[in-house]
Amino acid sequence: MPPSLTPDEGLKHVLVYTDGACQGNPGPGGWGAVMVYGDKRREMSGGFRRTTNNRMELMGAIEALKAMRYPCAVTLTTDSEYLKKSIELGWALKWRSNNWMRQGERVPNSDLWIELLGLLAVHKVSIVWVRGHTGHPENERCDKLAVAASRAAELPEDTGYHPAAKAKR
């Protein structure tokens, strides 16, 4: 069996690396993703004019998974503890079971969590966390893609971004 197929399910094994960046938080933001399957490599990026870093971390994972034409086994490498912990500790599933409410307020980024959980139901994904900005080659490349995307001219609006209302004193 080729090394990029998982022997137990016959799924193609894709390595995915993602990162998000934001110039200010909120501010102009971007995401970057690198996908590797065997000797094939694809780089992707995108950005928005006003968004948050967490949204861009999620967008990198979402866009990479959406780019796959059929179910795959995926090793997703990220420097986002928010992404990793929300999936692996079951927070996102709990938020969904609570109709995207937490402590009487809407869960931030619920639009993206809904999309990501749908994609996680299609693909067999394991998440690997790496510390950002420590020389991991693919993480550094994703960071460059994300930063460049955040600085692009004419960035579209992030229609899912809604700043939290400030508490009245």
N, C-alpha and C. Protein backbone atom coordinates (compact mmCIF):
# COMPACT_ATOMS: atom_id res chain seq x y z
N MET A 1 0.85 -1.18 0.00
CA MET A 1 0.00 0.00 0.00
C MET A 1 0.89 1.24 0.00
N PRO A 2 0.60 2.25 -0.81
CA PRO A 2 1.43 3.46 -0.83
C PRO A 2 1.49 4.10 0.55
N PRO A 3 2.60 4.79 0.87
CA PRO A 3 2.76 5.35 2.21
C PRO A 3 1.75 6.43 2.55
N SER A 4 1.06 7.01 1.56
CA SER A 4 0.10 8.05 1.86
C SER A 4 -1.33 7.53 2.01
N LEU A 5 -1.49 6.21 2.10
CA LEU A 5 -2.79 5.62 2.40
C LEU A 5 -2.75 5.04 3.81
N THR A 6 -3.83 5.21 4.55
CA THR A 6 -3.88 4.59 5.86
C THR A 6 -4.30 3.14 5.68
N PRO A 7 -3.54 2.20 6.24
CA PRO A 7 -3.82 0.79 5.98
C PRO A 7 -5.15 0.32 6.54
N ASP A 8 -5.62 0.91 7.64
CA ASP A 8 -6.83 0.39 8.27
C ASP A 8 -8.11 0.77 7.52
N GLU A 9 -8.17 1.94 6.86
CA GLU A 9 -9.40 2.34 6.20
C GLU A 9 -9.25 2.51 4.69
N GLY A 10 -8.03 2.48 4.18
CA GLY A 10 -7.83 2.73 2.77
C GLY A 10 -8.05 4.19 2.38
N LEU A 11 -8.10 5.07 3.37
CA LEU A 11 -8.25 6.50 3.09
C LEU A 11 -6.91 7.11 2.72
N LYS A 12 -6.94 8.08 1.85
CA LYS A 12 -5.73 8.81 1.54
C LYS A 12 -5.36 9.65 2.76
N HIS A 13 -4.08 9.63 3.10
CA HIS A 13 -3.60 10.38 4.26
C HIS A 13 -3.00 11.70 3.79
N VAL A 14 -3.60 12.79 4.22
CA VAL A 14 -3.17 14.13 3.83
C VAL A 14 -2.62 14.84 5.06
N LEU A 15 -1.46 15.43 4.90
CA LEU A 15 -0.89 16.27 5.94
C LEU A 15 -1.33 17.70 5.69
N VAL A 16 -1.90 18.33 6.71
CA VAL A 16 -2.38 19.70 6.58
C VAL A 16 -1.73 20.53 7.68
N TYR A 17 -1.23 21.68 7.29
CA TYR A 17 -0.63 22.64 8.22
C TYR A 17 -1.40 23.94 8.06
N THR A 18 -1.77 24.57 9.17
CA THR A 18 -2.56 25.80 9.07
C THR A 18 -2.07 26.84 10.07
N ASP A 19 -2.39 28.08 9.77
CA ASP A 19 -2.12 29.18 10.70
C ASP A 19 -3.04 30.33 10.38
N GLY A 20 -3.26 31.17 11.37
CA GLY A 20 -4.03 32.39 11.21
C GLY A 20 -3.21 33.56 11.70
N ALA A 21 -3.51 34.74 11.18
CA ALA A 21 -2.80 35.95 11.60
C ALA A 21 -3.78 37.11 11.58
N CYS A 22 -3.53 38.07 12.45
CA CYS A 22 -4.39 39.25 12.50
C CYS A 22 -3.52 40.45 12.85
N GLN A 23 -3.67 41.51 12.09
CA GLN A 23 -2.94 42.76 12.35
C GLN A 23 -3.84 43.60 13.25
N GLY A 24 -3.69 43.41 14.56
CA GLY A 24 -4.65 43.93 15.52
C GLY A 24 -5.66 42.81 15.73
N ASN A 25 -6.34 42.85 16.85
CA ASN A 25 -7.28 41.76 17.13
C ASN A 25 -8.51 42.35 17.83
N PRO A 26 -9.52 42.80 17.10
CA PRO A 26 -9.74 42.56 15.67
C PRO A 26 -8.95 43.51 14.78
N GLY A 27 -8.89 43.11 13.53
CA GLY A 27 -8.22 43.90 12.50
C GLY A 27 -8.17 43.10 11.22
N PRO A 28 -7.39 43.56 10.25
CA PRO A 28 -7.24 42.78 9.03
C PRO A 28 -6.59 41.43 9.37
N GLY A 29 -7.15 40.36 8.85
CA GLY A 29 -6.64 39.04 9.20
C GLY A 29 -6.51 38.15 7.99
N GLY A 30 -5.71 37.11 8.16
CA GLY A 30 -5.51 36.14 7.09
C GLY A 30 -5.29 34.75 7.63
N TRP A 31 -5.47 33.78 6.79
CA TRP A 31 -5.21 32.38 7.11
C TRP A 31 -4.34 31.79 6.02
N GLY A 32 -3.58 30.80 6.38
CA GLY A 32 -2.75 30.09 5.42
C GLY A 32 -2.81 28.60 5.67
N ALA A 33 -2.72 27.82 4.62
CA ALA A 33 -2.74 26.36 4.75
C ALA A 33 -1.81 25.74 3.73
N VAL A 34 -1.14 24.69 4.15
CA VAL A 34 -0.31 23.88 3.27
C VAL A 34 -0.85 22.46 3.36
N MET A 35 -1.12 21.87 2.20
CA MET A 35 -1.63 20.50 2.15
C MET A 35 -0.60 19.65 1.41
N VAL A 36 -0.27 18.49 1.98
CA VAL A 36 0.71 17.59 1.37
C VAL A 36 0.10 16.20 1.29
N TYR A 37 0.12 15.66 0.06
CA TYR A 37 -0.32 14.29 -0.17
C TYR A 37 0.71 13.64 -1.07
N GLY A 38 1.48 12.70 -0.53
CA GLY A 38 2.55 12.09 -1.30
C GLY A 38 3.53 13.15 -1.76
N ASP A 39 3.76 13.24 -3.06
CA ASP A 39 4.68 14.25 -3.58
C ASP A 39 3.95 15.51 -4.06
N LYS A 40 2.65 15.57 -3.81
CA LYS A 40 1.86 16.74 -4.20
C LYS A 40 1.75 17.72 -3.03
N ARG A 41 1.82 18.99 -3.36
CA ARG A 41 1.76 20.05 -2.35
C ARG A 41 0.87 21.17 -2.86
N ARG A 42 0.02 21.69 -1.99
CA ARG A 42 -0.85 22.81 -2.35
C ARG A 42 -0.82 23.84 -1.23
N GLU A 43 -0.65 25.09 -1.60
CA GLU A 43 -0.70 26.18 -0.63
C GLU A 43 -1.93 27.03 -0.91
N MET A 44 -2.58 27.47 0.16
CA MET A 44 -3.81 28.26 0.05
C MET A 44 -3.76 29.37 1.08
N SER A 45 -4.45 30.45 0.80
CA SER A 45 -4.57 31.52 1.79
C SER A 45 -5.75 32.40 1.44
N GLY A 46 -6.16 33.19 2.42
CA GLY A 46 -7.24 34.15 2.21
C GLY A 46 -7.27 35.10 3.39
N GLY A 47 -8.05 36.15 3.26
CA GLY A 47 -8.09 37.12 4.34
C GLY A 47 -9.37 37.92 4.35
N PHE A 48 -9.52 38.71 5.42
CA PHE A 48 -10.70 39.56 5.62
C PHE A 48 -10.24 40.88 6.22
N ARG A 49 -11.02 41.93 5.96
CA ARG A 49 -10.58 43.26 6.40
C ARG A 49 -10.77 43.51 7.89
N ARG A 50 -11.73 42.85 8.54
CA ARG A 50 -11.91 43.01 9.98
C ARG A 50 -12.37 41.67 10.55
N THR A 51 -11.49 41.07 11.35
CA THR A 51 -11.76 39.74 11.87
C THR A 51 -10.91 39.54 13.11
N THR A 52 -10.82 38.31 13.60
CA THR A 52 -9.98 38.02 14.77
C THR A 52 -9.00 36.90 14.44
N ASN A 53 -7.98 36.78 15.26
CA ASN A 53 -7.00 35.72 15.07
C ASN A 53 -7.65 34.34 15.20
N ASN A 54 -8.51 34.16 16.20
CA ASN A 54 -9.15 32.85 16.36
C ASN A 54 -9.98 32.47 15.14
N ARG A 55 -10.68 33.44 14.56
CA ARG A 55 -11.46 33.14 13.35
C ARG A 55 -10.55 32.70 12.22
N MET A 56 -9.38 33.33 12.11
CA MET A 56 -8.47 32.97 11.03
C MET A 56 -7.84 31.60 11.25
N GLU A 57 -7.58 31.25 12.51
CA GLU A 57 -7.08 29.90 12.82
C GLU A 57 -8.10 28.85 12.36
N LEU A 58 -9.36 29.11 12.67
CA LEU A 58 -10.42 28.18 12.26
C LEU A 58 -10.58 28.15 10.75
N MET A 59 -10.51 29.31 10.10
CA MET A 59 -10.68 29.37 8.64
C MET A 59 -9.61 28.57 7.91
N GLY A 60 -8.38 28.60 8.40
CA GLY A 60 -7.32 27.81 7.77
C GLY A 60 -7.67 26.33 7.74
N ALA A 61 -8.14 25.82 8.87
CA ALA A 61 -8.52 24.41 8.94
C ALA A 61 -9.73 24.12 8.06
N ILE A 62 -10.73 24.99 8.12
CA ILE A 62 -11.95 24.79 7.33
C ILE A 62 -11.64 24.78 5.84
N GLU A 63 -10.91 25.77 5.38
CA GLU A 63 -10.65 25.87 3.94
C GLU A 63 -9.81 24.69 3.43
N ALA A 64 -8.87 24.24 4.23
CA ALA A 64 -8.07 23.07 3.81
C ALA A 64 -8.96 21.82 3.71
N LEU A 65 -9.80 21.60 4.71
CA LEU A 65 -10.68 20.42 4.68
C LEU A 65 -11.71 20.52 3.55
N LYS A 66 -12.21 21.72 3.29
CA LYS A 66 -13.16 21.90 2.19
C LYS A 66 -12.53 21.62 0.84
N ALA A 67 -11.22 21.81 0.72
CA ALA A 67 -10.54 21.61 -0.56
C ALA A 67 -10.38 20.14 -0.93
N MET A 68 -10.63 19.24 0.01
CA MET A 68 -10.50 17.80 -0.26
C MET A 68 -11.76 17.31 -0.96
N ARG A 69 -11.56 16.57 -2.05
CA ARG A 69 -12.68 16.15 -2.89
C ARG A 69 -13.46 14.96 -2.34
N TYR A 70 -12.84 14.21 -1.43
CA TYR A 70 -13.49 13.04 -0.86
C TYR A 70 -12.93 12.82 0.54
N PRO A 71 -13.57 11.96 1.33
CA PRO A 71 -13.10 11.74 2.70
C PRO A 71 -11.64 11.28 2.74
N CYS A 72 -10.90 11.86 3.66
CA CYS A 72 -9.48 11.55 3.82
C CYS A 72 -9.14 11.38 5.29
N ALA A 73 -8.04 10.70 5.55
CA ALA A 73 -7.44 10.70 6.87
C ALA A 73 -6.50 11.91 6.88
N VAL A 74 -6.65 12.76 7.86
CA VAL A 74 -5.93 14.03 7.88
C VAL A 74 -5.17 14.18 9.18
N THR A 75 -3.91 14.53 9.07
CA THR A 75 -3.15 15.00 10.23
C THR A 75 -3.07 16.50 10.08
N LEU A 76 -3.79 17.21 10.96
CA LEU A 76 -3.88 18.66 10.91
C LEU A 76 -2.94 19.23 11.97
N THR A 77 -1.92 19.95 11.52
CA THR A 77 -0.95 20.55 12.43
C THR A 77 -1.23 22.03 12.55
N THR A 78 -1.39 22.51 13.78
CA THR A 78 -1.75 23.90 14.05
C THR A 78 -0.98 24.41 15.26
N ASP A 79 -0.84 25.73 15.34
CA ASP A 79 -0.27 26.32 16.55
C ASP A 79 -1.38 26.92 17.42
N SER A 80 -2.62 26.63 17.09
CA SER A 80 -3.77 27.17 17.82
C SER A 80 -4.24 26.20 18.90
N GLU A 81 -3.99 26.56 20.15
CA GLU A 81 -4.52 25.76 21.25
C GLU A 81 -6.04 25.85 21.29
N TYR A 82 -6.57 26.99 20.89
CA TYR A 82 -8.02 27.19 20.82
C TYR A 82 -8.66 26.13 19.92
N LEU A 83 -8.11 25.92 18.74
CA LEU A 83 -8.62 24.93 17.81
C LEU A 83 -8.44 23.52 18.38
N LYS A 84 -7.24 23.19 18.79
CA LYS A 84 -6.95 21.84 19.27
C LYS A 84 -7.79 21.48 20.49
N LYS A 85 -7.77 22.35 21.51
CA LYS A 85 -8.49 22.03 22.74
C LYS A 85 -10.01 22.00 22.55
N SER A 86 -10.52 22.90 21.74
CA SER A 86 -11.97 22.93 21.52
C SER A 86 -12.48 21.64 20.90
N ILE A 87 -11.65 21.01 20.06
CA ILE A 87 -12.03 19.73 19.46
C ILE A 87 -11.71 18.57 20.40
N GLU A 88 -10.47 18.49 20.83
CA GLU A 88 -10.04 17.31 21.59
C GLU A 88 -10.64 17.22 22.98
N LEU A 89 -10.93 18.35 23.61
CA LEU A 89 -11.54 18.32 24.94
C LEU A 89 -13.06 18.31 24.87
N GLY A 90 -13.60 18.32 23.65
CA GLY A 90 -15.05 18.21 23.47
C GLY A 90 -15.82 19.51 23.69
N TRP A 91 -15.12 20.63 23.80
CA TRP A 91 -15.82 21.90 24.03
C TRP A 91 -16.78 22.21 22.89
N ALA A 92 -16.31 22.06 21.65
CA ALA A 92 -17.16 22.41 20.50
C ALA A 92 -18.41 21.54 20.46
N LEU A 93 -18.27 20.27 20.78
CA LEU A 93 -19.45 19.40 20.81
C LEU A 93 -20.41 19.81 21.92
N LYS A 94 -19.87 20.23 23.06
CA LYS A 94 -20.73 20.70 24.15
C LYS A 94 -21.44 21.99 23.76
N TRP A 95 -20.71 22.90 23.12
CA TRP A 95 -21.34 24.14 22.67
C TRP A 95 -22.50 23.83 21.72
N ARG A 96 -22.27 22.88 20.80
CA ARG A 96 -23.32 22.51 19.86
C ARG A 96 -24.52 21.92 20.60
N SER A 97 -24.27 21.05 21.58
CA SER A 97 -25.38 20.44 22.33
C SER A 97 -26.14 21.47 23.14
N ASN A 98 -25.51 22.59 23.45
CA ASN A 98 -26.16 23.69 24.17
C ASN A 98 -26.67 24.77 23.22
N ASN A 99 -26.89 24.39 21.96
CA ASN A 99 -27.39 25.31 20.94
C ASN A 99 -26.52 26.56 20.81
N TRP A 100 -25.19 26.34 20.90
CA TRP A 100 -24.19 27.39 20.71
C TRP A 100 -24.29 28.51 21.75
N MET A 101 -24.76 28.14 22.93
CA MET A 101 -24.82 29.10 24.04
C MET A 101 -23.88 28.62 25.15
N ARG A 102 -23.25 29.61 25.80
CA ARG A 102 -22.35 29.33 26.93
C ARG A 102 -22.54 30.45 27.93
N GLN A 103 -22.93 30.11 29.12
CA GLN A 103 -23.16 31.08 30.19
C GLN A 103 -24.12 32.19 29.74
N GLY A 104 -25.17 31.79 29.03
CA GLY A 104 -26.20 32.73 28.60
C GLY A 104 -25.83 33.59 27.40
N GLU A 105 -24.69 33.38 26.80
CA GLU A 105 -24.26 34.16 25.63
C GLU A 105 -23.91 33.24 24.47
N ARG A 106 -24.04 33.77 23.27
CA ARG A 106 -23.69 33.02 22.06
C ARG A 106 -22.19 32.71 22.06
N VAL A 107 -21.83 31.50 21.72
CA VAL A 107 -20.42 31.09 21.63
C VAL A 107 -19.77 31.87 20.48
N PRO A 108 -18.63 32.52 20.74
CA PRO A 108 -17.94 33.22 19.64
C PRO A 108 -17.57 32.24 18.53
N ASN A 109 -17.67 32.70 17.32
CA ASN A 109 -17.28 31.94 16.13
C ASN A 109 -18.14 30.71 15.88
N SER A 110 -19.36 30.71 16.39
CA SER A 110 -20.21 29.53 16.24
C SER A 110 -20.45 29.19 14.77
N ASP A 111 -20.49 30.21 13.91
CA ASP A 111 -20.68 29.94 12.48
C ASP A 111 -19.55 29.07 11.94
N LEU A 112 -18.33 29.34 12.39
CA LEU A 112 -17.18 28.56 11.92
C LEU A 112 -17.13 27.19 12.59
N TRP A 113 -17.49 27.12 13.86
CA TRP A 113 -17.51 25.83 14.55
C TRP A 113 -18.53 24.89 13.91
N ILE A 114 -19.67 25.43 13.51
CA ILE A 114 -20.69 24.61 12.84
C ILE A 114 -20.10 24.02 11.56
N GLU A 115 -19.43 24.86 10.78
CA GLU A 115 -18.83 24.39 9.52
C GLU A 115 -17.72 23.38 9.78
N LEU A 116 -16.86 23.67 10.75
CA LEU A 116 -15.75 22.77 11.03
C LEU A 116 -16.23 21.41 11.54
N LEU A 117 -17.21 21.40 12.44
CA LEU A 117 -17.71 20.11 12.93
C LEU A 117 -18.32 19.29 11.80
N GLY A 118 -18.96 19.94 10.84
CA GLY A 118 -19.49 19.22 9.68
C GLY A 118 -18.37 18.57 8.88
N LEU A 119 -17.27 19.28 8.72
CA LEU A 119 -16.13 18.73 7.97
C LEU A 119 -15.43 17.62 8.75
N LEU A 120 -15.40 17.74 10.07
CA LEU A 120 -14.79 16.70 10.89
C LEU A 120 -15.61 15.41 10.85
N ALA A 121 -16.88 15.52 10.51
CA ALA A 121 -17.72 14.33 10.36
C ALA A 121 -17.44 13.62 9.03
N VAL A 122 -16.84 14.32 8.08
CA VAL A 122 -16.53 13.74 6.76
C VAL A 122 -15.15 13.11 6.75
N HIS A 123 -14.19 13.80 7.36
CA HIS A 123 -12.80 13.37 7.34
C HIS A 123 -12.40 12.79 8.70
N LYS A 124 -11.45 11.89 8.68
CA LYS A 124 -10.89 11.36 9.93
C LYS A 124 -9.67 12.23 10.25
N VAL A 125 -9.83 13.13 11.22
CA VAL A 125 -8.83 14.15 11.49
C VAL A 125 -8.18 13.93 12.86
N SER A 126 -6.87 13.95 12.87
CA SER A 126 -6.14 14.02 14.14
C SER A 126 -5.41 15.36 14.14
N ILE A 127 -5.42 16.00 15.30
CA ILE A 127 -4.85 17.34 15.41
C ILE A 127 -3.54 17.27 16.19
N VAL A 128 -2.53 17.91 15.64
CA VAL A 128 -1.21 17.99 16.27
C VAL A 128 -0.94 19.47 16.55
N TRP A 129 -0.56 19.77 17.77
CA TRP A 129 -0.23 21.15 18.13
C TRP A 129 1.28 21.33 18.11
N VAL A 130 1.70 22.46 17.53
CA VAL A 130 3.10 22.86 17.57
C VAL A 130 3.15 24.29 18.10
N ARG A 131 4.20 24.60 18.82
CA ARG A 131 4.38 25.98 19.29
C ARG A 131 4.70 26.86 18.09
N GLY A 132 4.00 27.97 17.97
CA GLY A 132 4.21 28.88 16.85
C GLY A 132 5.53 29.63 16.95
N HIS A 133 6.03 30.03 15.81
CA HIS A 133 7.23 30.87 15.71
C HIS A 133 8.46 30.25 16.37
N THR A 134 8.57 28.93 16.22
CA THR A 134 9.74 28.23 16.78
C THR A 134 10.53 27.49 15.70
N GLY A 135 10.28 27.83 14.45
CA GLY A 135 11.08 27.25 13.38
C GLY A 135 10.50 26.03 12.70
N HIS A 136 9.28 25.60 13.05
CA HIS A 136 8.65 24.48 12.34
C HIS A 136 8.43 24.94 10.89
N PRO A 137 9.07 24.31 9.91
CA PRO A 137 9.06 24.85 8.54
C PRO A 137 7.65 25.08 7.96
N GLU A 138 6.77 24.13 8.12
CA GLU A 138 5.43 24.29 7.53
C GLU A 138 4.60 25.30 8.30
N ASN A 139 4.75 25.34 9.62
CA ASN A 139 4.04 26.35 10.41
C ASN A 139 4.54 27.75 10.04
N GLU A 140 5.83 27.89 9.85
CA GLU A 140 6.38 29.19 9.45
C GLU A 140 5.87 29.59 8.06
N ARG A 141 5.76 28.61 7.14
CA ARG A 141 5.24 28.92 5.81
C ARG A 141 3.78 29.35 5.89
N CYS A 142 3.00 28.67 6.70
CA CYS A 142 1.59 29.04 6.86
C CYS A 142 1.47 30.44 7.45
N ASP A 143 2.35 30.77 8.40
CA ASP A 143 2.33 32.10 8.99
C ASP A 143 2.61 33.15 7.92
N LYS A 144 3.59 32.90 7.06
CA LYS A 144 3.90 33.85 5.98
C LYS A 144 2.71 34.02 5.04
N LEU A 145 2.06 32.91 4.70
CA LEU A 145 0.87 32.98 3.85
C LEU A 145 -0.25 33.78 4.52
N ALA A 146 -0.46 33.53 5.82
CA ALA A 146 -1.53 34.21 6.54
C ALA A 146 -1.25 35.71 6.67
N VAL A 147 -0.01 36.06 7.01
CA VAL A 147 0.34 37.48 7.14
C VAL A 147 0.20 38.19 5.80
N ALA A 148 0.69 37.56 4.74
CA ALA A 148 0.58 38.17 3.41
C ALA A 148 -0.90 38.36 3.03
N ALA A 149 -1.73 37.37 3.32
CA ALA A 149 -3.16 37.48 3.01
C ALA A 149 -3.81 38.61 3.81
N SER A 150 -3.37 38.80 5.05
CA SER A 150 -3.96 39.86 5.89
C SER A 150 -3.60 41.25 5.38
N ARG A 151 -2.55 41.33 4.59
CA ARG A 151 -2.07 42.63 4.07
C ARG A 151 -2.50 42.88 2.62
N ALA A 152 -3.27 41.98 2.07
CA ALA A 152 -3.71 42.13 0.68
C ALA A 152 -4.64 43.34 0.54
N ALA A 153 -4.64 43.91 -0.63
CA ALA A 153 -5.54 45.03 -0.91
C ALA A 153 -6.96 44.51 -1.10
N GLU A 154 -7.92 45.36 -0.80
CA GLU A 154 -9.33 45.05 -1.08
C GLU A 154 -9.81 43.76 -0.43
N LEU A 155 -9.51 43.58 0.85
CA LEU A 155 -9.97 42.39 1.55
C LEU A 155 -11.49 42.40 1.69
N PRO A 156 -12.11 41.23 1.55
CA PRO A 156 -13.57 41.17 1.72
C PRO A 156 -13.96 41.29 3.19
N GLU A 157 -15.24 41.52 3.42
CA GLU A 157 -15.79 41.57 4.77
C GLU A 157 -15.94 40.14 5.31
N ASP A 158 -15.64 39.96 6.58
CA ASP A 158 -15.89 38.69 7.26
C ASP A 158 -17.31 38.79 7.80
N THR A 159 -18.27 38.30 7.03
CA THR A 159 -19.68 38.47 7.39
C THR A 159 -20.07 37.72 8.66
N GLY A 160 -19.25 36.78 9.07
CA GLY A 160 -19.54 36.03 10.29
C GLY A 160 -18.99 36.69 11.55
N TYR A 161 -18.14 37.70 11.38
CA TYR A 161 -17.55 38.35 12.55
C TYR A 161 -18.52 39.36 13.13
N HIS A 162 -18.83 39.17 14.40
CA HIS A 162 -19.71 40.09 15.13
C HIS A 162 -19.05 40.38 16.46
N PRO A 163 -18.55 41.61 16.64
CA PRO A 163 -17.89 41.92 17.91
C PRO A 163 -18.85 41.70 19.09
N ALA A 164 -18.29 41.20 20.17
CA ALA A 164 -19.08 41.00 21.37
C ALA A 164 -19.51 42.36 21.91
N ALA A 165 -20.73 42.44 22.36
CA ALA A 165 -21.21 43.68 22.95
C ALA A 165 -20.49 43.92 24.27
N LYS A 166 -20.10 45.13 24.49
CA LYS A 166 -19.44 45.49 25.75
C LYS A 166 -20.47 45.52 26.87
N ALA A 167 -20.09 45.00 28.01
CA ALA A 167 -20.99 45.00 29.16
C ALA A 167 -21.21 46.43 29.63
N LYS A 168 -22.46 46.73 30.00
CA LYS A 168 -22.79 48.06 30.52
C LYS A 168 -22.41 48.12 31.98
N ARG A 169 -21.87 49.26 32.37
CA ARG A 169 -21.48 49.43 33.79
C ARG A 169 -22.41 50.36 34.48
